[in-house]
Protein backbone atom coordinates (compact mmCIF):
# COMPACT_ATOMS: atom_id res chain seq x y z
CA MET A 1 -12.76 0.63 6.65
CA ILE A 2 -9.72 2.62 7.74
CA HIS A 3 -10.38 4.87 10.71
CA VAL A 4 -7.67 7.08 12.24
CA GLU A 5 -8.55 9.22 15.19
CA HIS A 6 -6.32 11.60 17.05
CA VAL A 7 -3.22 9.66 16.15
CA ALA A 8 0.17 11.11 17.25
CA LEU A 9 3.61 9.66 17.19
CA GLU A 10 6.87 10.86 18.80
CA LEU A 11 10.17 9.05 18.52
CA LYS A 12 13.35 10.24 20.27
CA LYS A 13 11.63 13.52 21.17
CA HIS A 14 10.83 14.16 17.50
CA LYS A 15 7.15 14.53 16.66
CA LEU A 16 6.42 12.54 13.53
CA LEU A 17 2.61 12.59 13.50
CA ASN A 18 0.46 15.23 15.07
CA ASP A 19 -3.31 14.67 15.85
CA ILE A 20 -4.07 12.78 12.67
CA ASN A 21 -7.77 12.15 11.78
CA LEU A 22 -8.56 10.23 8.68
CA ARG A 23 -11.28 7.99 7.38
CA VAL A 24 -11.23 5.90 4.17
CA ASP A 25 -14.42 4.01 3.30
CA ALA A 26 -15.29 1.14 0.99
CA GLY A 27 -15.40 2.07 -2.72
CA GLU A 28 -13.20 5.19 -2.45
CA ILE A 29 -9.49 6.09 -3.11
CA VAL A 30 -7.98 8.63 -0.76
CA GLY A 31 -4.65 10.24 -1.56
CA LEU A 32 -1.84 11.54 0.56
CA VAL A 33 0.53 14.11 -0.80
CA GLY A 34 3.50 15.96 0.76
CA CYS A 35 7.17 16.30 0.57
CA ASN A 36 9.60 13.64 1.79
CA GLY A 37 9.74 13.47 5.57
CA SER A 38 6.17 14.95 5.94
CA GLY A 39 4.80 11.80 7.57
CA LYS A 40 2.98 9.90 4.76
CA THR A 41 4.96 6.73 5.05
CA MET A 42 5.01 6.77 8.84
CA LEU A 43 1.11 7.08 8.89
CA MET A 44 0.90 4.17 6.51
CA LYS A 45 3.25 2.17 8.72
CA CYS A 46 1.02 2.85 11.73
CA ILE A 47 -2.05 1.77 9.78
CA CYS A 48 -0.37 -1.46 8.68
CA GLY A 49 0.86 -2.40 12.23
CA PHE A 50 4.59 -1.81 11.46
CA GLN A 51 4.79 1.14 13.88
CA THR A 52 3.11 0.59 17.19
CA ALA A 53 4.36 3.49 19.38
CA PHE A 54 1.53 5.81 18.35
CA THR A 55 -1.19 7.22 20.59
CA GLY A 56 -4.84 7.50 19.58
CA LEU A 57 -7.08 5.07 17.67
CA ILE A 58 -6.55 3.17 14.46
CA GLN A 59 -9.23 0.73 13.29
CA VAL A 60 -8.76 -1.35 10.13
CA ASN A 61 -11.83 -3.29 8.93
CA GLY A 62 -13.57 -2.63 12.25
CA LYS A 63 -10.71 -3.97 14.48
CA GLU A 64 -8.57 -1.77 16.67
CA LEU A 65 -4.85 -2.07 16.27
CA GLY A 66 -2.98 -2.82 19.44
CA LYS A 67 -6.00 -4.17 21.16
CA GLU A 68 -8.09 -6.51 18.97
CA ILE A 69 -5.25 -7.15 16.38
CA ASP A 70 -1.57 -6.45 15.96
CA PHE A 71 -1.56 -6.53 12.17
CA PRO A 72 -4.53 -6.08 9.86
CA ASN A 73 -5.29 -9.33 8.09
CA ASP A 74 -7.21 -8.40 5.02
CA ILE A 75 -4.95 -5.72 3.63
CA GLY A 76 -2.79 -5.51 0.46
CA LEU A 77 0.09 -3.20 1.13
CA MET A 78 3.18 -1.73 -0.40
CA ILE A 79 5.28 0.39 1.95
CA GLU A 80 8.48 2.09 0.70
CA THR A 81 10.65 -0.15 -1.65
CA PRO A 82 9.26 -3.68 -1.77
CA GLY A 83 11.44 -6.17 -0.05
CA PHE A 84 11.81 -9.63 -1.48
CA MET A 85 14.17 -12.57 -1.19
CA PRO A 86 16.85 -11.47 -3.65
CA TYR A 87 17.99 -14.85 -4.94
CA TYR A 88 14.54 -16.27 -5.66
CA SER A 89 12.45 -15.47 -8.74
CA GLY A 90 9.47 -13.15 -8.58
CA TYR A 91 7.10 -16.07 -8.85
CA LYS A 92 8.83 -18.00 -6.05
CA ASN A 93 8.69 -14.92 -3.81
CA LEU A 94 5.00 -14.62 -4.22
CA LYS A 95 4.45 -18.32 -3.82
CA ILE A 96 6.30 -18.24 -0.44
CA LEU A 97 4.02 -15.37 0.74
CA ALA A 98 0.90 -17.00 -0.51
CA ASP A 99 1.73 -20.25 1.25
CA LEU A 100 1.77 -18.41 4.63
CA ARG A 101 -2.00 -17.92 4.49
CA LYS A 102 -3.02 -20.52 1.94
CA THR A 103 -5.96 -18.54 0.61
CA ILE A 104 -5.03 -18.50 -3.09
CA ASP A 105 -3.69 -21.09 -5.56
CA GLU A 106 -0.90 -20.97 -8.05
CA GLU A 107 -3.19 -19.72 -10.87
CA GLN A 108 -4.04 -16.57 -8.87
CA ILE A 109 -0.45 -15.82 -8.23
CA LYS A 110 0.25 -16.17 -12.02
CA SER A 111 -2.76 -14.04 -12.82
CA SER A 112 -1.54 -11.23 -10.56
CA MET A 113 1.78 -11.25 -12.25
CA ASP A 114 0.16 -11.18 -15.66
CA LEU A 115 -1.82 -8.12 -14.59
CA VAL A 116 1.30 -6.09 -14.04
CA GLY A 117 3.17 -7.40 -17.08
CA LEU A 118 5.58 -9.82 -15.33
CA ASP A 119 6.42 -13.18 -16.77
CA TRP A 120 5.81 -15.72 -13.97
CA LYS A 121 7.86 -18.30 -15.91
CA LEU A 122 10.98 -16.00 -15.82
CA ARG A 123 13.68 -17.55 -13.48
CA LEU A 124 15.58 -14.28 -13.13
CA PRO A 125 16.32 -13.67 -9.38
CA VAL A 126 14.66 -10.50 -7.92
CA ARG A 127 18.12 -9.09 -7.25
CA LYS A 128 18.50 -8.62 -10.92
CA TYR A 129 15.16 -6.93 -11.38
CA SER A 130 15.01 -3.25 -12.41
CA LEU A 131 13.26 -0.72 -10.11
CA GLY A 132 10.27 -0.91 -12.26
CA MET A 133 10.01 -4.65 -12.17
CA ARG A 134 10.38 -4.61 -8.37
CA GLN A 135 7.55 -2.15 -8.18
CA ARG A 136 5.38 -4.26 -10.30
CA LEU A 137 6.11 -7.35 -8.28
CA GLY A 138 5.13 -5.36 -5.14
CA ILE A 139 1.88 -4.34 -6.75
CA ALA A 140 1.16 -7.98 -7.76
CA GLN A 141 1.84 -9.05 -4.20
CA ALA A 142 -0.62 -6.42 -2.94
CA LEU A 143 -3.29 -7.56 -5.37
CA MET A 144 -2.92 -11.27 -5.46
CA GLU A 145 -5.06 -12.27 -2.36
CA ASN A 146 -7.90 -9.89 -3.37
CA PRO A 147 -8.03 -7.98 -0.09
CA PRO A 148 -10.81 -5.42 0.68
CA ILE A 149 -8.25 -2.77 1.68
CA PHE A 150 -5.06 -1.45 -0.11
CA VAL A 151 -2.38 0.75 1.40
CA LEU A 152 0.04 1.75 -1.25
CA ASP A 153 2.99 4.02 -0.68
CA GLU A 154 4.34 5.55 -4.01
CA PRO A 155 3.28 2.58 -6.16
CA PHE A 156 4.08 4.46 -9.35
CA ASN A 157 7.83 4.88 -8.64
CA GLY A 158 9.92 3.50 -11.39
CA LEU A 159 7.04 2.72 -13.69
CA ASP A 160 6.97 3.86 -17.28
CA LYS A 161 4.02 5.77 -18.72
CA GLN A 162 2.30 2.65 -20.15
CA MET A 163 2.55 0.66 -16.93
CA SER A 164 1.48 3.63 -14.81
CA ALA A 165 -1.71 3.92 -16.94
CA LYS A 166 -2.18 0.14 -16.47
CA VAL A 167 -1.87 0.40 -12.70
CA ARG A 168 -4.24 3.40 -12.58
CA SER A 169 -6.78 1.34 -14.45
CA LEU A 170 -6.32 -1.60 -12.12
CA LEU A 171 -6.90 0.62 -9.08
CA LEU A 172 -9.98 2.14 -10.50
CA GLU A 173 -11.44 -1.30 -11.13
CA GLU A 174 -10.68 -2.30 -7.55
CA LYS A 175 -12.48 0.96 -6.41
CA LYS A 176 -15.55 -0.12 -8.56
CA ARG A 177 -15.50 -3.47 -6.80
CA GLY A 178 -15.93 -1.71 -3.46
CA LYS A 179 -12.29 -1.79 -2.33
CA CYS A 180 -10.89 0.78 0.22
CA ILE A 181 -7.65 2.32 -1.12
CA LEU A 182 -5.20 4.66 0.60
CA ILE A 183 -2.41 5.89 -1.69
CA SER A 184 0.45 8.26 -1.75
CA SER A 185 2.14 9.66 -4.79
CA HIS A 186 4.46 12.51 -5.80
CA ASN A 187 2.76 12.59 -9.21
CA SER A 188 -0.09 15.08 -9.19
CA TYR A 189 -1.70 13.46 -12.26
CA ASP A 190 -2.03 10.11 -10.57
CA ILE A 191 -3.64 11.67 -7.55
CA GLU A 192 -6.04 13.78 -9.71
CA VAL A 193 -7.16 10.87 -11.77
CA LEU A 194 -7.51 8.38 -9.01
CA CYS A 195 -8.60 10.05 -5.78
CA ASP A 196 -11.99 10.99 -4.43
CA ARG A 197 -10.32 12.94 -1.59
CA VAL A 198 -6.85 14.22 -1.15
CA TYR A 199 -4.92 15.26 2.02
CA GLU A 200 -1.73 17.06 2.39
CA MET A 201 0.78 16.14 5.00
CA GLU A 202 3.18 18.65 6.35
CA MET A 203 5.40 18.32 9.44
CA GLY A 204 3.38 15.41 10.69
CA GLY A 205 0.05 17.14 10.32
CA LEU A 206 -2.80 16.32 7.90
CA ASN A 207 -5.10 18.75 6.14
CA PRO A 208 -7.65 18.32 3.33
CA CYS A 209 -6.60 19.75 -0.04
């Protein structure tokens, strides 16, 4: 469902991605590991259509980025720190996003927040959320429209042990339902428990572990 072939990216004469080949199919979780600056986030940005200066081929759900589509439609994503409207509540933020596509109702928004332990009735603006609450809201946003593909960049950042276990369980359930999941994490335990295959990124290159 995610097909990356000979992808390279160079910005300001700095090579960020170097001949990346990667495939993630339905019903599997593939992990990316590597130090900061290794290229994990940049590769995910290319797959999600946020970075378009790459060369090579990227297909998401059978459609080629830059030719057939500019952005993948059926994808749940969380790249870097989730960005939300700071003066609105978590629920209102998700409602605004859901209204753009109108594929889910209010009950599905509330359900996604319940799954990650957030109170949808809470009127606290997102600017007053803790890092962990922001992360959970980002995960709820990725899950809420029930997409077939997930691209999640460090989703466990800021989560306590109990919530990390909950999110791992949620992702394994999504895998059982046939979802395609690409994930990065600095936590080796998360990668070991979740992933069917793991790749290490170093200096823009990708190698199987």
